[in-house]
C-alpha atoms as a PDB file:
ATOM      1  CA  MET A   1      -5.087 -21.482 -13.728  1.00  0.00           C
ATOM      2  CA  GLY A   2      -5.365 -17.704 -14.205  1.00  0.00           C
ATOM      3  CA  LYS A   3      -7.824 -18.107 -17.067  1.00  0.00           C
ATOM      4  CA  LEU A   4     -10.047 -20.380 -14.949  1.00  0.00           C
ATOM      5  CA  PHE A   5      -9.998 -17.835 -12.113  1.00  0.00           C
ATOM      6  CA  VAL A   6     -11.097 -15.036 -14.434  1.00  0.00           C
ATOM      7  CA  GLU A   7     -13.888 -17.255 -15.816  1.00  0.00           C
ATOM      8  CA  LYS A   8     -15.141 -18.048 -12.295  1.00  0.00           C
ATOM      9  CA  VAL A   9     -15.089 -14.362 -11.287  1.00  0.00           C
ATOM     10  CA  HIS A  10     -17.046 -13.555 -14.443  1.00  0.00           C
ATOM     11  CA  GLU A  11     -19.603 -16.295 -13.630  1.00  0.00           C
ATOM     12  CA  CYS A  12     -20.003 -14.893 -10.118  1.00  0.00           C
ATOM     13  CA  ILE A  13     -20.628 -11.398 -11.476  1.00  0.00           C
ATOM     14  CA  LEU A  14     -23.203 -12.775 -13.934  1.00  0.00           C
ATOM     15  CA  ARG A  15     -25.026 -14.479 -11.028  1.00  0.00           C
ATOM     16  CA  ILE A  16     -25.005 -11.177  -9.160  1.00  0.00           C
ATOM     17  CA  ALA A  17     -26.391  -9.375 -12.224  1.00  0.00           C
ATOM     18  CA  GLU A  18     -29.235 -11.918 -12.507  1.00  0.00           C
ATOM     19  CA  ASN A  19     -30.194 -11.608  -8.832  1.00  0.00           C
ATOM     20  CA  GLN A  20     -28.511  -8.793  -6.892  1.00  0.00           C
ATOM     21  CA  LYS A  21     -29.590 -10.181  -3.503  1.00  0.00           C
ATOM     22  CA  VAL A  22     -28.439 -13.755  -4.133  1.00  0.00           C
ATOM     23  CA  TYR A  23     -25.536 -13.284  -1.688  1.00  0.00           C
ATOM     24  CA  PRO A  24     -25.798 -12.084   1.938  1.00  0.00           C
ATOM     25  CA  GLN A  25     -24.663  -8.719   3.258  1.00  0.00           C
ATOM     26  CA  LYS A  26     -21.269  -9.000   4.964  1.00  0.00           C
ATOM     27  CA  TYR A  27     -20.605  -5.376   5.834  1.00  0.00           C
ATOM     28  CA  ARG A  28     -22.914  -2.403   6.265  1.00  0.00           C
ATOM     29  CA  PHE A  29     -23.984  -2.303   2.641  1.00  0.00           C
ATOM     30  CA  LEU A  30     -21.605  -4.715   0.899  1.00  0.00           C
ATOM     31  CA  ARG A  31     -22.570  -8.194  -0.186  1.00  0.00           C
ATOM     32  CA  ALA A  32     -20.047 -10.970  -0.804  1.00  0.00           C
ATOM     33  CA  GLY A  33     -20.401 -13.367  -3.712  1.00  0.00           C
ATOM     34  CA  LEU A  34     -18.459 -16.594  -3.342  1.00  0.00           C
ATOM     35  CA  ILE A  35     -16.325 -17.691  -6.281  1.00  0.00           C
ATOM     36  CA  PRO A  36     -16.639 -21.434  -6.935  1.00  0.00           C
ATOM     37  CA  THR A  37     -13.397 -23.439  -6.938  1.00  0.00           C
ATOM     38  CA  PHE A  38     -11.372 -20.588  -5.422  1.00  0.00           C
ATOM     39  CA  PRO A  39     -11.239 -19.205  -1.853  1.00  0.00           C
ATOM     40  CA  HIS A  40     -12.224 -15.706  -3.008  1.00  0.00           C
ATOM     41  CA  SER A  41     -15.266 -13.444  -2.808  1.00  0.00           C
ATOM     42  CA  VAL A  42     -16.514 -10.544  -4.903  1.00  0.00           C
ATOM     43  CA  PHE A  43     -17.611  -7.643  -2.677  1.00  0.00           C
ATOM     44  CA  TYR A  44     -20.303  -5.484  -4.220  1.00  0.00           C
ATOM     45  CA  LYS A  45     -23.114  -3.032  -3.557  1.00  0.00           C
ATOM     46  CA  VAL A  46     -26.461  -2.623  -5.283  1.00  0.00           C
ATOM     47  CA  GLU A  47     -26.970   1.077  -5.932  1.00  0.00           C
ATOM     48  CA  MET A  48     -29.892   3.087  -7.245  1.00  0.00           C
ATOM     49  CA  ASN A  49     -31.505   1.827 -10.456  1.00  0.00           C
ATOM     50  CA  ASN A  50     -30.092  -1.664  -9.695  1.00  0.00           C
ATOM     51  CA  LEU A  51     -26.590  -0.579 -10.687  1.00  0.00           C
ATOM     52  CA  ILE A  52     -24.030  -3.001  -9.264  1.00  0.00           C
ATOM     53  CA  LYS A  53     -20.745  -1.540  -8.022  1.00  0.00           C
ATOM     54  CA  VAL A  54     -17.917  -4.051  -7.426  1.00  0.00           C
ATOM     55  CA  TYR A  55     -15.529  -2.939  -4.669  1.00  0.00           C
ATOM     56  CA  ALA A  56     -13.065  -5.815  -4.515  1.00  0.00           C
ATOM     57  CA  CYS A  57     -12.275  -9.446  -5.203  1.00  0.00           C
ATOM     58  CA  LEU A  58     -10.487 -10.771  -2.129  1.00  0.00           C
ATOM     59  CA  HIS A  59      -8.931 -14.022  -0.938  1.00  0.00           C
ATOM     60  CA  HIS A  60     -10.679 -15.351   2.172  1.00  0.00           C
ATOM     61  CA  LYS A  61      -7.480 -15.063   4.228  1.00  0.00           C
ATOM     62  CA  GLN A  62      -7.116 -11.346   3.517  1.00  0.00           C
ATOM     63  CA  ASN A  63      -8.241  -8.897   6.171  1.00  0.00           C
ATOM     64  CA  SER A  64     -11.319  -7.596   4.409  1.00  0.00           C
ATOM     65  CA  ASP A  65     -12.114  -5.102   7.214  1.00  0.00           C
ATOM     66  CA  HIS A  66      -8.804  -3.357   6.632  1.00  0.00           C
ATOM     67  CA  ILE A  67      -8.939  -3.489   2.839  1.00  0.00           C
ATOM     68  CA  LEU A  68     -12.578  -2.439   2.511  1.00  0.00           C
ATOM     69  CA  GLY A  69     -12.179   0.207   5.183  1.00  0.00           C
ATOM     70  CA  LYS A  70     -15.227  -1.011   7.125  1.00  0.00           C
ATOM     71  CA  ARG A  71     -17.438   0.778   4.598  1.00  0.00           C
END
């Protein structure tokens, strides 16, 4: 199960790399990419020169406001 999770996170990050705006903004500047098969999201920001910075991978039941510090 852990290997499948890592594969799905990797697939999500590849989708983000192909199209940085594929997922909607959830917080001021963070976007949230949904991970298929698992109730998790990858929170990321597109920075200058299309650099993608991943902030967290969180379960949907976690308090993302608290963890991400309302960035």
